[in-house]
């Protein structure tokens, strides 16, 4: 019995560790507060009901995209002949570029000037583009889902923890989007800018670690 108890505790600890790691990584990349600030700027003339509808649909699409990419992304890479070490190195490079943009000029990679101009037109539905993709489920988040699933090693518990982390991240993003107007008033442009830059530094460190892991796997000692 003690051996069984230790085994169960190890599984619980491993699953909790996987969830926390995945949750922190996705939160840094998705940046719910920063996304909410952009969302508020995109919908200055929309009613509260219209903003809520777009936020809910965007988050639903985003969580489905992230879940699907996490579960099927590795198989897609295998079909294309791309190894996981290459994906980790490429993902680290991509995330590092995103981090640079977050520190220097927030959201420049996730929404271009033309995308923001399209979104600003209140007669356009921004739920799918650019809110769900690429603001929430962007290339960085998709890459991270694939890398996280590769670390899971086929463990059903770890895979469930990663998907739960993605769901929790999107849920928090939904809350942030629904509170976008209040957040912008509380934080102001300066507060949002500082938060974005801090997250950018954390994302840069995560990107470098992913690239290092990929190099170690590609060129084992």
N, C-alpha and C. Protein backbone atom coordinates (compact mmCIF):
# COMPACT_ATOMS: atom_id res chain seq x y z
N UNK A 1 0.81 -1.23 0.00
CA UNK A 1 0.00 0.00 0.00
C UNK A 1 0.85 1.28 0.00
N UNK A 2 1.93 1.34 0.87
CA UNK A 2 2.74 2.55 0.83
C UNK A 2 3.31 2.82 -0.55
N UNK A 3 3.72 1.75 -1.27
CA UNK A 3 4.27 1.93 -2.61
C UNK A 3 3.22 2.51 -3.55
N UNK A 4 1.98 2.03 -3.42
CA UNK A 4 0.89 2.56 -4.23
C UNK A 4 0.63 4.03 -3.92
N UNK A 5 0.69 4.36 -2.61
CA UNK A 5 0.47 5.74 -2.21
C UNK A 5 1.55 6.65 -2.78
N UNK A 6 2.81 6.17 -2.72
CA UNK A 6 3.91 6.97 -3.27
C UNK A 6 3.75 7.16 -4.78
N UNK A 7 3.31 6.08 -5.45
CA UNK A 7 3.10 6.17 -6.89
C UNK A 7 2.02 7.17 -7.23
N UNK A 8 0.92 7.15 -6.47
CA UNK A 8 -0.18 8.09 -6.71
C UNK A 8 0.27 9.52 -6.46
N UNK A 9 1.06 9.72 -5.38
CA UNK A 9 1.55 11.07 -5.08
C UNK A 9 2.48 11.57 -6.19
N UNK A 10 3.30 10.67 -6.70
CA UNK A 10 4.21 11.07 -7.78
C UNK A 10 3.45 11.48 -9.02
N UNK A 11 2.37 10.74 -9.33
CA UNK A 11 1.55 11.08 -10.49
C UNK A 11 0.88 12.44 -10.29
N UNK A 12 0.35 12.66 -9.09
CA UNK A 12 -0.31 13.93 -8.79
C UNK A 12 0.67 15.09 -8.88
N UNK A 13 1.86 14.88 -8.30
CA UNK A 13 2.88 15.94 -8.33
C UNK A 13 3.31 16.24 -9.77
N UNK A 14 3.55 15.19 -10.55
CA UNK A 14 3.97 15.37 -11.94
C UNK A 14 2.90 16.10 -12.74
N UNK A 15 1.64 15.72 -12.53
CA UNK A 15 0.54 16.36 -13.26
C UNK A 15 0.40 17.82 -12.86
N UNK A 16 0.53 18.10 -11.55
CA UNK A 16 0.43 19.48 -11.08
C UNK A 16 1.58 20.32 -11.63
N UNK A 17 2.78 19.74 -11.66
CA UNK A 17 3.94 20.46 -12.21
C UNK A 17 3.74 20.77 -13.69
N UNK A 18 3.22 19.79 -14.43
CA UNK A 18 2.96 20.00 -15.85
C UNK A 18 1.93 21.10 -16.07
N UNK A 19 0.87 21.08 -15.26
CA UNK A 19 -0.18 22.10 -15.38
C UNK A 19 0.39 23.48 -15.11
N UNK A 20 1.14 23.63 -14.02
CA UNK A 20 1.67 24.94 -13.65
C UNK A 20 2.62 25.47 -14.72
N UNK A 21 3.51 24.59 -15.21
CA UNK A 21 4.47 25.00 -16.24
C UNK A 21 3.74 25.44 -17.51
N UNK A 22 2.77 24.62 -17.94
CA UNK A 22 2.02 24.95 -19.16
C UNK A 22 1.21 26.22 -18.97
N UNK A 23 0.60 26.36 -17.81
CA UNK A 23 -0.24 27.53 -17.53
C UNK A 23 0.58 28.82 -17.56
N UNK A 24 1.73 28.80 -16.89
CA UNK A 24 2.59 29.99 -16.86
C UNK A 24 3.08 30.33 -18.26
N UNK A 25 3.53 29.31 -19.01
CA UNK A 25 4.04 29.54 -20.36
C UNK A 25 2.96 30.15 -21.25
N UNK A 26 1.75 29.60 -21.21
CA UNK A 26 0.67 30.10 -22.07
C UNK A 26 0.19 31.48 -21.62
N UNK A 27 0.16 31.71 -20.31
CA UNK A 27 -0.25 33.03 -19.82
C UNK A 27 0.70 34.12 -20.29
N UNK A 28 2.00 33.82 -20.25
CA UNK A 28 2.99 34.80 -20.68
C UNK A 28 2.83 35.09 -22.17
N UNK A 29 2.59 34.04 -22.96
CA UNK A 29 2.49 34.21 -24.41
C UNK A 29 1.19 34.89 -24.81
N UNK A 30 0.07 34.42 -24.27
CA UNK A 30 -1.23 34.98 -24.64
C UNK A 30 -1.40 36.40 -24.11
N UNK A 31 -0.88 36.64 -22.89
CA UNK A 31 -0.95 37.98 -22.29
C UNK A 31 -2.39 38.50 -22.26
N UNK A 32 -3.24 37.93 -21.39
CA UNK A 32 -4.66 38.32 -21.36
C UNK A 32 -4.89 39.81 -21.15
N UNK A 33 -4.12 40.42 -20.27
CA UNK A 33 -4.32 41.85 -20.00
C UNK A 33 -3.98 42.68 -21.23
N UNK A 34 -2.84 42.39 -21.84
CA UNK A 34 -2.46 43.13 -23.05
C UNK A 34 -3.45 42.93 -24.17
N UNK A 35 -3.94 41.69 -24.31
CA UNK A 35 -4.93 41.41 -25.34
C UNK A 35 -6.23 42.18 -25.07
N UNK A 36 -6.59 42.29 -23.80
CA UNK A 36 -7.80 43.02 -23.45
C UNK A 36 -7.67 44.50 -23.78
N UNK A 37 -6.47 45.06 -23.56
CA UNK A 37 -6.24 46.47 -23.88
C UNK A 37 -6.40 46.70 -25.39
N UNK A 38 -5.83 45.78 -26.19
CA UNK A 38 -5.97 45.89 -27.64
C UNK A 38 -7.44 45.74 -28.05
N UNK A 39 -8.14 44.81 -27.41
CA UNK A 39 -9.55 44.56 -27.71
C UNK A 39 -10.38 45.81 -27.43
N UNK A 40 -10.11 46.48 -26.32
CA UNK A 40 -10.84 47.71 -26.00
C UNK A 40 -10.60 48.78 -27.06
N UNK A 41 -9.37 48.87 -27.56
CA UNK A 41 -9.06 49.85 -28.61
C UNK A 41 -9.72 49.48 -29.93
N UNK A 42 -9.98 48.18 -30.13
CA UNK A 42 -10.60 47.73 -31.38
C UNK A 42 -12.11 48.00 -31.41
N UNK A 43 -12.72 48.10 -30.24
CA UNK A 43 -14.18 48.19 -30.19
C UNK A 43 -14.65 49.43 -29.44
N UNK A 44 -14.22 50.61 -29.85
CA UNK A 44 -14.58 51.82 -29.10
C UNK A 44 -16.06 52.18 -29.19
N UNK A 45 -16.72 51.78 -30.28
CA UNK A 45 -18.11 52.16 -30.49
C UNK A 45 -19.09 51.01 -30.22
N UNK A 46 -18.58 49.82 -29.93
CA UNK A 46 -19.45 48.66 -29.72
C UNK A 46 -20.13 48.73 -28.37
N UNK A 47 -21.32 48.16 -28.30
CA UNK A 47 -22.04 48.09 -27.03
C UNK A 47 -21.43 46.99 -26.17
N UNK A 48 -21.79 46.98 -24.89
CA UNK A 48 -21.29 45.95 -23.98
C UNK A 48 -21.72 44.56 -24.44
N UNK A 49 -22.94 44.44 -24.95
CA UNK A 49 -23.44 43.15 -25.42
C UNK A 49 -22.66 42.67 -26.65
N UNK A 50 -22.35 43.60 -27.56
CA UNK A 50 -21.59 43.24 -28.75
C UNK A 50 -20.17 42.81 -28.39
N UNK A 51 -19.55 43.51 -27.46
CA UNK A 51 -18.19 43.14 -27.03
C UNK A 51 -18.19 41.78 -26.35
N UNK A 52 -19.20 41.53 -25.52
CA UNK A 52 -19.27 40.25 -24.82
C UNK A 52 -19.46 39.10 -25.80
N UNK A 53 -20.31 39.30 -26.81
CA UNK A 53 -20.55 38.26 -27.80
C UNK A 53 -19.27 37.94 -28.58
N UNK A 54 -18.55 38.98 -29.01
CA UNK A 54 -17.33 38.76 -29.75
C UNK A 54 -16.26 38.10 -28.88
N UNK A 55 -16.18 38.50 -27.62
CA UNK A 55 -15.18 37.92 -26.72
C UNK A 55 -15.44 36.44 -26.50
N UNK A 56 -16.71 36.07 -26.28
CA UNK A 56 -17.04 34.66 -26.05
C UNK A 56 -16.74 33.80 -27.27
N UNK A 57 -17.13 34.27 -28.45
CA UNK A 57 -16.88 33.49 -29.67
C UNK A 57 -15.39 33.39 -29.96
N UNK A 58 -14.66 34.47 -29.72
CA UNK A 58 -13.22 34.45 -29.97
C UNK A 58 -12.52 33.44 -29.06
N UNK A 59 -12.89 33.42 -27.80
CA UNK A 59 -12.25 32.51 -26.86
C UNK A 59 -12.63 31.06 -27.16
N UNK A 60 -13.85 30.82 -27.60
CA UNK A 60 -14.25 29.47 -27.97
C UNK A 60 -13.42 28.97 -29.15
N UNK A 61 -13.27 29.80 -30.17
CA UNK A 61 -12.47 29.42 -31.33
C UNK A 61 -11.01 29.22 -30.92
N UNK A 62 -10.49 30.11 -30.09
CA UNK A 62 -9.08 30.04 -29.68
C UNK A 62 -8.78 28.75 -28.92
N UNK A 63 -9.64 28.38 -27.98
CA UNK A 63 -9.37 27.18 -27.18
C UNK A 63 -9.48 25.93 -28.04
N UNK A 64 -10.39 25.91 -29.01
CA UNK A 64 -10.49 24.77 -29.92
C UNK A 64 -9.25 24.66 -30.81
N UNK A 65 -8.76 25.80 -31.29
CA UNK A 65 -7.57 25.80 -32.13
C UNK A 65 -6.35 25.31 -31.34
N UNK A 66 -6.18 25.82 -30.12
CA UNK A 66 -5.03 25.42 -29.31
C UNK A 66 -5.10 23.94 -28.94
N UNK A 67 -6.29 23.48 -28.57
CA UNK A 67 -6.44 22.07 -28.21
C UNK A 67 -6.14 21.16 -29.40
N UNK A 68 -6.69 21.51 -30.55
CA UNK A 68 -6.48 20.70 -31.75
C UNK A 68 -5.02 20.71 -32.18
N UNK A 69 -4.39 21.88 -32.11
CA UNK A 69 -2.99 21.97 -32.52
C UNK A 69 -2.09 21.20 -31.55
N UNK A 70 -2.44 21.23 -30.27
CA UNK A 70 -1.66 20.48 -29.31
C UNK A 70 -1.78 18.98 -29.51
N UNK A 71 -2.98 18.50 -29.79
CA UNK A 71 -3.21 17.07 -29.93
C UNK A 71 -2.73 16.52 -31.26
N UNK A 72 -2.88 17.31 -32.33
CA UNK A 72 -2.55 16.81 -33.68
C UNK A 72 -1.32 17.45 -34.29
N UNK A 73 -0.76 18.46 -33.64
CA UNK A 73 0.37 19.17 -34.21
C UNK A 73 1.59 18.28 -34.42
N UNK A 74 1.88 17.41 -33.44
CA UNK A 74 3.05 16.54 -33.55
C UNK A 74 2.91 15.57 -34.73
N UNK A 75 1.70 15.04 -34.93
CA UNK A 75 1.48 14.13 -36.06
C UNK A 75 1.65 14.87 -37.39
N UNK A 76 1.19 16.11 -37.43
CA UNK A 76 1.35 16.91 -38.63
C UNK A 76 2.84 17.12 -38.94
N UNK A 77 3.62 17.38 -37.90
CA UNK A 77 5.05 17.57 -38.09
C UNK A 77 5.72 16.28 -38.59
N UNK A 78 5.29 15.15 -38.03
CA UNK A 78 5.84 13.87 -38.48
C UNK A 78 5.53 13.64 -39.95
N UNK A 79 4.31 13.97 -40.34
CA UNK A 79 3.92 13.80 -41.74
C UNK A 79 4.79 14.66 -42.66
N UNK A 80 5.17 15.83 -42.18
CA UNK A 80 5.99 16.74 -42.97
C UNK A 80 7.48 16.45 -42.83
N UNK A 81 7.82 15.47 -42.00
CA UNK A 81 9.23 15.13 -41.81
C UNK A 81 9.99 16.10 -40.94
N UNK A 82 9.31 16.78 -40.04
CA UNK A 82 9.94 17.76 -39.15
C UNK A 82 10.07 17.13 -37.77
N UNK A 83 11.29 17.09 -37.25
CA UNK A 83 11.53 16.52 -35.93
C UNK A 83 11.20 17.49 -34.82
N UNK A 84 10.97 16.96 -33.61
CA UNK A 84 10.64 17.80 -32.46
C UNK A 84 11.79 18.73 -32.06
N UNK A 85 13.06 18.28 -32.15
CA UNK A 85 14.15 19.23 -31.85
C UNK A 85 14.10 20.46 -32.75
N UNK A 86 13.83 20.25 -34.04
CA UNK A 86 13.73 21.39 -34.96
C UNK A 86 12.57 22.29 -34.57
N UNK A 87 11.46 21.68 -34.14
CA UNK A 87 10.30 22.46 -33.74
C UNK A 87 10.61 23.28 -32.49
N UNK A 88 11.37 22.70 -31.55
CA UNK A 88 11.72 23.42 -30.34
C UNK A 88 12.64 24.61 -30.67
N UNK A 89 13.62 24.38 -31.53
CA UNK A 89 14.53 25.47 -31.89
C UNK A 89 13.78 26.57 -32.65
N UNK A 90 12.96 26.16 -33.63
CA UNK A 90 12.19 27.15 -34.39
C UNK A 90 11.19 27.87 -33.49
N UNK A 91 10.55 27.11 -32.61
CA UNK A 91 9.59 27.73 -31.68
C UNK A 91 10.27 28.71 -30.75
N UNK A 92 11.48 28.35 -30.27
CA UNK A 92 12.23 29.26 -29.41
C UNK A 92 12.59 30.54 -30.13
N UNK A 93 13.00 30.41 -31.40
CA UNK A 93 13.34 31.59 -32.20
C UNK A 93 12.12 32.47 -32.42
N UNK A 94 10.99 31.83 -32.74
CA UNK A 94 9.76 32.59 -32.98
C UNK A 94 9.29 33.30 -31.72
N UNK A 95 9.33 32.60 -30.60
CA UNK A 95 8.91 33.21 -29.34
C UNK A 95 9.85 34.34 -28.94
N UNK A 96 11.14 34.18 -29.26
CA UNK A 96 12.10 35.23 -28.92
C UNK A 96 11.81 36.50 -29.72
N UNK A 97 11.47 36.34 -31.00
CA UNK A 97 11.09 37.49 -31.81
C UNK A 97 9.84 38.16 -31.26
N UNK A 98 8.88 37.32 -30.83
CA UNK A 98 7.67 37.86 -30.23
C UNK A 98 8.00 38.62 -28.96
N UNK A 99 8.93 38.08 -28.15
CA UNK A 99 9.33 38.74 -26.92
C UNK A 99 9.97 40.09 -27.20
N UNK A 100 10.81 40.15 -28.24
CA UNK A 100 11.44 41.42 -28.61
C UNK A 100 10.38 42.46 -28.96
N UNK A 101 9.37 42.02 -29.73
CA UNK A 101 8.30 42.95 -30.11
C UNK A 101 7.49 43.39 -28.89
N UNK A 102 7.30 42.47 -27.93
CA UNK A 102 6.55 42.84 -26.73
C UNK A 102 7.30 43.88 -25.91
N UNK A 103 8.63 43.74 -25.87
CA UNK A 103 9.44 44.68 -25.09
C UNK A 103 9.56 46.02 -25.82
N UNK A 104 9.74 45.96 -27.15
CA UNK A 104 9.98 47.18 -27.92
C UNK A 104 8.70 47.85 -28.41
N UNK A 105 7.74 47.04 -28.91
CA UNK A 105 6.52 47.60 -29.50
C UNK A 105 5.43 46.54 -29.40
N UNK A 106 4.60 46.65 -28.42
CA UNK A 106 3.68 45.58 -28.06
C UNK A 106 2.73 45.22 -29.18
N UNK A 107 2.55 43.90 -29.35
CA UNK A 107 1.59 43.31 -30.28
C UNK A 107 1.90 43.60 -31.74
N UNK A 108 3.12 44.07 -32.04
CA UNK A 108 3.44 44.38 -33.44
C UNK A 108 3.42 43.14 -34.31
N UNK A 109 3.78 41.98 -33.72
CA UNK A 109 3.78 40.76 -34.52
C UNK A 109 2.41 40.11 -34.57
N UNK A 110 1.61 40.34 -33.54
CA UNK A 110 0.33 39.65 -33.46
C UNK A 110 -0.81 40.41 -34.12
N UNK A 111 -0.61 41.68 -34.38
CA UNK A 111 -1.63 42.43 -35.11
C UNK A 111 -0.96 43.59 -35.81
N UNK A 112 -1.01 43.59 -37.12
CA UNK A 112 -0.39 44.65 -37.90
C UNK A 112 -1.29 45.88 -37.93
N UNK A 113 -0.77 46.98 -38.47
CA UNK A 113 -1.57 48.21 -38.56
C UNK A 113 -2.83 47.98 -39.39
N UNK A 114 -2.70 47.23 -40.49
CA UNK A 114 -3.87 46.98 -41.33
C UNK A 114 -4.90 46.14 -40.61
N UNK A 115 -4.43 45.18 -39.80
CA UNK A 115 -5.36 44.34 -39.05
C UNK A 115 -6.11 45.17 -38.01
N UNK A 116 -5.40 46.07 -37.35
CA UNK A 116 -6.06 46.91 -36.36
C UNK A 116 -7.05 47.87 -37.02
N UNK A 117 -6.71 48.35 -38.21
CA UNK A 117 -7.63 49.25 -38.92
C UNK A 117 -8.90 48.51 -39.31
N UNK A 118 -8.75 47.26 -39.76
CA UNK A 118 -9.93 46.46 -40.10
C UNK A 118 -10.77 46.21 -38.86
N UNK A 119 -10.09 45.88 -37.76
CA UNK A 119 -10.82 45.57 -36.53
C UNK A 119 -11.54 46.79 -35.98
N UNK A 120 -10.98 47.97 -36.23
CA UNK A 120 -11.57 49.18 -35.67
C UNK A 120 -12.89 49.55 -36.32
N UNK A 121 -13.17 49.00 -37.47
CA UNK A 121 -14.44 49.28 -38.13
C UNK A 121 -15.54 48.51 -37.42
N UNK A 122 -16.46 49.19 -36.83
CA UNK A 122 -17.44 48.53 -35.99
C UNK A 122 -18.41 47.66 -36.76
N UNK A 123 -18.44 47.79 -38.09
CA UNK A 123 -19.34 46.94 -38.85
C UNK A 123 -18.68 45.60 -39.18
N UNK A 124 -17.44 45.40 -38.75
CA UNK A 124 -16.73 44.16 -39.00
C UNK A 124 -16.76 43.29 -37.74
N UNK A 125 -16.88 41.97 -37.94
CA UNK A 125 -16.85 41.03 -36.82
C UNK A 125 -15.40 40.64 -36.59
N UNK A 126 -14.85 41.02 -35.44
CA UNK A 126 -13.43 40.74 -35.16
C UNK A 126 -13.23 39.49 -34.32
N UNK A 127 -14.29 38.75 -34.04
CA UNK A 127 -14.18 37.60 -33.13
C UNK A 127 -13.16 36.58 -33.63
N UNK A 128 -13.24 36.23 -34.93
CA UNK A 128 -12.33 35.22 -35.46
C UNK A 128 -10.99 35.84 -35.82
N UNK A 129 -11.03 36.91 -36.58
CA UNK A 129 -9.81 37.60 -36.99
C UNK A 129 -9.97 39.09 -36.74
N UNK A 130 -9.04 39.72 -36.04
CA UNK A 130 -7.79 39.16 -35.53
C UNK A 130 -7.82 38.77 -34.06
N UNK A 131 -8.99 38.72 -33.41
CA UNK A 131 -9.03 38.48 -31.97
C UNK A 131 -8.65 37.04 -31.61
N UNK A 132 -9.42 36.07 -32.15
CA UNK A 132 -9.11 34.67 -31.84
C UNK A 132 -7.75 34.28 -32.41
N UNK A 133 -7.57 34.61 -33.70
CA UNK A 133 -6.31 34.35 -34.40
C UNK A 133 -5.91 35.63 -35.13
N UNK A 134 -4.76 36.24 -34.84
CA UNK A 134 -3.64 35.67 -34.06
C UNK A 134 -3.46 36.24 -32.67
N UNK A 135 -4.39 37.08 -32.16
CA UNK A 135 -4.16 37.71 -30.86
C UNK A 135 -4.15 36.70 -29.71
N UNK A 136 -5.11 35.77 -29.67
CA UNK A 136 -5.16 34.79 -28.59
C UNK A 136 -4.42 33.51 -28.99
N UNK A 137 -4.90 32.85 -30.02
CA UNK A 137 -4.24 31.62 -30.50
C UNK A 137 -3.29 31.98 -31.63
N UNK A 138 -2.20 32.61 -31.27
CA UNK A 138 -1.21 33.01 -32.25
C UNK A 138 -0.18 31.92 -32.51
N UNK A 139 0.76 32.18 -33.39
CA UNK A 139 1.78 31.16 -33.70
C UNK A 139 2.61 30.76 -32.49
N UNK A 140 2.87 31.72 -31.59
CA UNK A 140 3.62 31.38 -30.39
C UNK A 140 2.88 30.40 -29.49
N UNK A 141 1.59 30.64 -29.29
CA UNK A 141 0.79 29.75 -28.45
C UNK A 141 0.64 28.38 -29.10
N UNK A 142 0.46 28.34 -30.41
CA UNK A 142 0.33 27.06 -31.11
C UNK A 142 1.62 26.24 -31.00
N UNK A 143 2.75 26.92 -31.22
CA UNK A 143 4.04 26.24 -31.10
C UNK A 143 4.25 25.71 -29.70
N UNK A 144 3.89 26.51 -28.71
CA UNK A 144 4.06 26.09 -27.32
C UNK A 144 3.22 24.86 -27.01
N UNK A 145 2.01 24.78 -27.55
CA UNK A 145 1.17 23.61 -27.33
C UNK A 145 1.82 22.34 -27.88
N UNK A 146 2.42 22.44 -29.06
CA UNK A 146 3.09 21.28 -29.65
C UNK A 146 4.28 20.86 -28.79
N UNK A 147 5.08 21.83 -28.36
CA UNK A 147 6.26 21.53 -27.55
C UNK A 147 5.86 20.93 -26.21
N UNK A 148 4.83 21.48 -25.59
CA UNK A 148 4.37 20.95 -24.30
C UNK A 148 3.89 19.51 -24.44
N UNK A 149 3.15 19.23 -25.50
CA UNK A 149 2.66 17.87 -25.71
C UNK A 149 3.82 16.91 -25.98
N UNK A 150 4.87 17.39 -26.63
CA UNK A 150 6.02 16.52 -26.87
C UNK A 150 6.72 16.17 -25.57
N UNK A 151 6.73 17.11 -24.61
CA UNK A 151 7.32 16.84 -23.30
C UNK A 151 6.47 15.86 -22.49
N UNK A 152 5.18 15.79 -22.78
CA UNK A 152 4.29 14.91 -22.02
C UNK A 152 4.62 13.44 -22.24
N UNK A 153 5.22 13.11 -23.37
CA UNK A 153 5.64 11.74 -23.63
C UNK A 153 4.50 10.73 -23.68
N UNK A 154 3.33 11.16 -24.09
CA UNK A 154 2.20 10.25 -24.20
C UNK A 154 1.45 10.01 -22.91
N UNK A 155 1.85 10.67 -21.82
CA UNK A 155 1.17 10.51 -20.54
C UNK A 155 -0.22 11.15 -20.60
N UNK A 156 -1.24 10.34 -20.35
CA UNK A 156 -2.61 10.85 -20.42
C UNK A 156 -2.85 11.95 -19.39
N UNK A 157 -2.26 11.79 -18.20
CA UNK A 157 -2.45 12.79 -17.15
C UNK A 157 -1.79 14.11 -17.53
N UNK A 158 -0.57 14.04 -18.07
CA UNK A 158 0.13 15.26 -18.46
C UNK A 158 -0.57 15.95 -19.63
N UNK A 159 -1.06 15.16 -20.58
CA UNK A 159 -1.78 15.73 -21.71
C UNK A 159 -3.05 16.44 -21.23
N UNK A 160 -3.75 15.80 -20.29
CA UNK A 160 -4.95 16.42 -19.73
C UNK A 160 -4.60 17.70 -18.99
N UNK A 161 -3.45 17.70 -18.29
CA UNK A 161 -3.02 18.90 -17.57
C UNK A 161 -2.71 20.05 -18.53
N UNK A 162 -2.08 19.73 -19.66
CA UNK A 162 -1.75 20.75 -20.65
C UNK A 162 -3.01 21.34 -21.27
N UNK A 163 -3.96 20.47 -21.61
CA UNK A 163 -5.21 20.96 -22.19
C UNK A 163 -5.99 21.78 -21.17
N UNK A 164 -5.93 21.37 -19.89
CA UNK A 164 -6.60 22.13 -18.83
C UNK A 164 -5.94 23.50 -18.66
N UNK A 165 -4.62 23.54 -18.79
CA UNK A 165 -3.90 24.82 -18.69
C UNK A 165 -4.30 25.75 -19.82
N UNK A 166 -4.43 25.19 -21.03
CA UNK A 166 -4.87 26.00 -22.17
C UNK A 166 -6.28 26.53 -21.93
N UNK A 167 -7.16 25.67 -21.42
CA UNK A 167 -8.52 26.11 -21.12
C UNK A 167 -8.56 27.19 -20.06
N UNK A 168 -7.73 27.02 -19.01
CA UNK A 168 -7.69 28.02 -17.94
C UNK A 168 -7.16 29.36 -18.45
N UNK A 169 -6.15 29.30 -19.32
CA UNK A 169 -5.58 30.52 -19.88
C UNK A 169 -6.62 31.28 -20.70
N UNK A 170 -7.34 30.54 -21.54
CA UNK A 170 -8.35 31.19 -22.38
C UNK A 170 -9.50 31.71 -21.52
N UNK A 171 -9.85 30.98 -20.46
CA UNK A 171 -10.91 31.44 -19.56
C UNK A 171 -10.53 32.76 -18.89
N UNK A 172 -9.28 32.85 -18.44
CA UNK A 172 -8.81 34.10 -17.85
C UNK A 172 -8.80 35.22 -18.90
N UNK A 173 -8.43 34.85 -20.12
CA UNK A 173 -8.45 35.83 -21.21
C UNK A 173 -9.87 36.33 -21.45
N UNK A 174 -10.84 35.42 -21.38
CA UNK A 174 -12.24 35.82 -21.56
C UNK A 174 -12.66 36.81 -20.48
N UNK A 175 -12.29 36.53 -19.24
CA UNK A 175 -12.62 37.45 -18.14
C UNK A 175 -11.98 38.81 -18.39
N UNK A 176 -10.72 38.79 -18.86
CA UNK A 176 -10.02 40.04 -19.15
C UNK A 176 -10.71 40.81 -20.28
N UNK A 177 -11.14 40.09 -21.32
CA UNK A 177 -11.81 40.75 -22.44
C UNK A 177 -13.14 41.35 -21.99
N UNK A 178 -13.88 40.63 -21.17
CA UNK A 178 -15.17 41.15 -20.68
C UNK A 178 -14.97 42.36 -19.78
N UNK A 179 -13.78 42.46 -19.18
CA UNK A 179 -13.48 43.60 -18.29
C UNK A 179 -12.54 44.59 -18.95
N UNK A 180 -12.44 44.54 -20.29
CA UNK A 180 -11.44 45.32 -21.01
C UNK A 180 -11.54 46.81 -20.71
N UNK A 181 -12.74 47.35 -20.74
CA UNK A 181 -12.89 48.80 -20.52
C UNK A 181 -12.43 49.19 -19.12
N UNK A 182 -12.77 48.36 -18.12
CA UNK A 182 -12.37 48.65 -16.75
C UNK A 182 -10.85 48.54 -16.59
N UNK A 183 -10.24 47.52 -17.24
CA UNK A 183 -8.79 47.33 -17.14
C UNK A 183 -8.04 48.51 -17.72
N UNK A 184 -8.50 49.01 -18.85
CA UNK A 184 -7.80 50.14 -19.48
C UNK A 184 -7.90 51.39 -18.61
N UNK A 185 -9.03 51.56 -17.93
CA UNK A 185 -9.17 52.71 -17.05
C UNK A 185 -8.28 52.59 -15.84
N UNK A 186 -8.18 51.36 -15.28
CA UNK A 186 -7.38 51.14 -14.07
C UNK A 186 -5.89 51.23 -14.37
N UNK A 187 -5.45 50.53 -15.42
CA UNK A 187 -4.03 50.45 -15.71
C UNK A 187 -3.51 51.65 -16.49
N UNK A 188 -4.33 52.14 -17.39
CA UNK A 188 -3.86 53.19 -18.26
C UNK A 188 -2.85 52.66 -19.26
N UNK A 189 -2.45 53.49 -20.19
CA UNK A 189 -1.50 53.06 -21.22
C UNK A 189 -0.14 52.74 -20.62
N UNK A 190 0.29 53.51 -19.63
CA UNK A 190 1.61 53.28 -19.02
C UNK A 190 1.65 51.95 -18.28
N UNK A 191 0.60 51.67 -17.51
CA UNK A 191 0.56 50.40 -16.77
C UNK A 191 0.55 49.21 -17.69
N UNK A 192 -0.24 49.27 -18.76
CA UNK A 192 -0.29 48.17 -19.72
C UNK A 192 1.05 47.99 -20.41
N UNK A 193 1.73 49.11 -20.69
CA UNK A 193 3.03 49.04 -21.35
C UNK A 193 4.07 48.38 -20.45
N UNK A 194 4.08 48.73 -19.18
CA UNK A 194 5.03 48.13 -18.24
C UNK A 194 4.76 46.63 -18.10
N UNK A 195 3.50 46.25 -17.95
CA UNK A 195 3.15 44.83 -17.81
C UNK A 195 3.58 44.04 -19.05
N UNK A 196 3.37 44.61 -20.21
CA UNK A 196 3.75 43.94 -21.45
C UNK A 196 5.25 43.72 -21.55
N UNK A 197 6.02 44.70 -21.11
CA UNK A 197 7.46 44.58 -21.21
C UNK A 197 8.01 43.55 -20.21
N UNK A 198 7.43 43.50 -19.03
CA UNK A 198 7.85 42.48 -18.06
C UNK A 198 7.56 41.08 -18.60
N UNK A 199 6.36 40.90 -19.15
CA UNK A 199 6.02 39.61 -19.75
C UNK A 199 6.93 39.29 -20.93
N UNK A 200 7.33 40.32 -21.67
CA UNK A 200 8.23 40.10 -22.79
C UNK A 200 9.58 39.55 -22.34
N UNK A 201 10.10 40.05 -21.23
CA UNK A 201 11.37 39.55 -20.70
C UNK A 201 11.23 38.09 -20.27
N UNK A 202 10.14 37.75 -19.60
CA UNK A 202 9.91 36.36 -19.20
C UNK A 202 9.78 35.46 -20.42
N UNK A 203 9.09 35.95 -21.43
CA UNK A 203 8.93 35.16 -22.65
C UNK A 203 10.26 34.94 -23.34
N UNK A 204 11.13 35.94 -23.32
CA UNK A 204 12.45 35.79 -23.93
C UNK A 204 13.24 34.68 -23.24
N UNK A 205 13.18 34.64 -21.91
CA UNK A 205 13.88 33.58 -21.17
C UNK A 205 13.32 32.21 -21.51
N UNK A 206 12.00 32.11 -21.62
CA UNK A 206 11.38 30.84 -21.99
C UNK A 206 11.79 30.43 -23.39
N UNK A 207 11.86 31.38 -24.31
CA UNK A 207 12.25 31.10 -25.70
C UNK A 207 13.67 30.55 -25.77
N UNK A 208 14.58 31.17 -25.02
CA UNK A 208 15.97 30.71 -25.02
C UNK A 208 16.06 29.30 -24.46
N UNK A 209 15.30 29.01 -23.40
CA UNK A 209 15.33 27.67 -22.82
C UNK A 209 14.80 26.63 -23.81
N UNK A 210 13.75 26.95 -24.54
CA UNK A 210 13.23 26.03 -25.56
C UNK A 210 14.27 25.74 -26.63
N UNK A 211 14.97 26.78 -27.08
CA UNK A 211 15.99 26.60 -28.10
C UNK A 211 17.14 25.75 -27.58
N UNK A 212 17.55 25.98 -26.32
CA UNK A 212 18.62 25.18 -25.72
C UNK A 212 18.22 23.72 -25.64
N UNK A 213 16.99 23.45 -25.22
CA UNK A 213 16.50 22.07 -25.15
C UNK A 213 16.53 21.41 -26.53
N UNK A 214 16.13 22.16 -27.55
CA UNK A 214 16.13 21.62 -28.90
C UNK A 214 17.52 21.30 -29.40
N UNK A 215 18.49 22.17 -29.11
CA UNK A 215 19.88 21.93 -29.52
C UNK A 215 20.45 20.70 -28.81
N UNK A 216 20.15 20.56 -27.52
CA UNK A 216 20.63 19.40 -26.76
C UNK A 216 20.06 18.10 -27.33
N UNK A 217 18.79 18.13 -27.74
CA UNK A 217 18.18 16.93 -28.31
C UNK A 217 18.73 16.62 -29.70
N UNK A 218 18.99 17.66 -30.46
CA UNK A 218 19.49 17.46 -31.82
C UNK A 218 20.95 17.02 -31.82
N UNK A 219 21.72 17.49 -30.85
CA UNK A 219 23.15 17.14 -30.78
C UNK A 219 23.49 16.63 -29.39
N UNK A 220 23.00 15.42 -29.07
CA UNK A 220 23.27 14.85 -27.74
C UNK A 220 24.76 14.57 -27.56
N UNK A 221 25.19 14.66 -26.34
CA UNK A 221 26.62 14.41 -26.06
C UNK A 221 26.90 12.90 -26.06
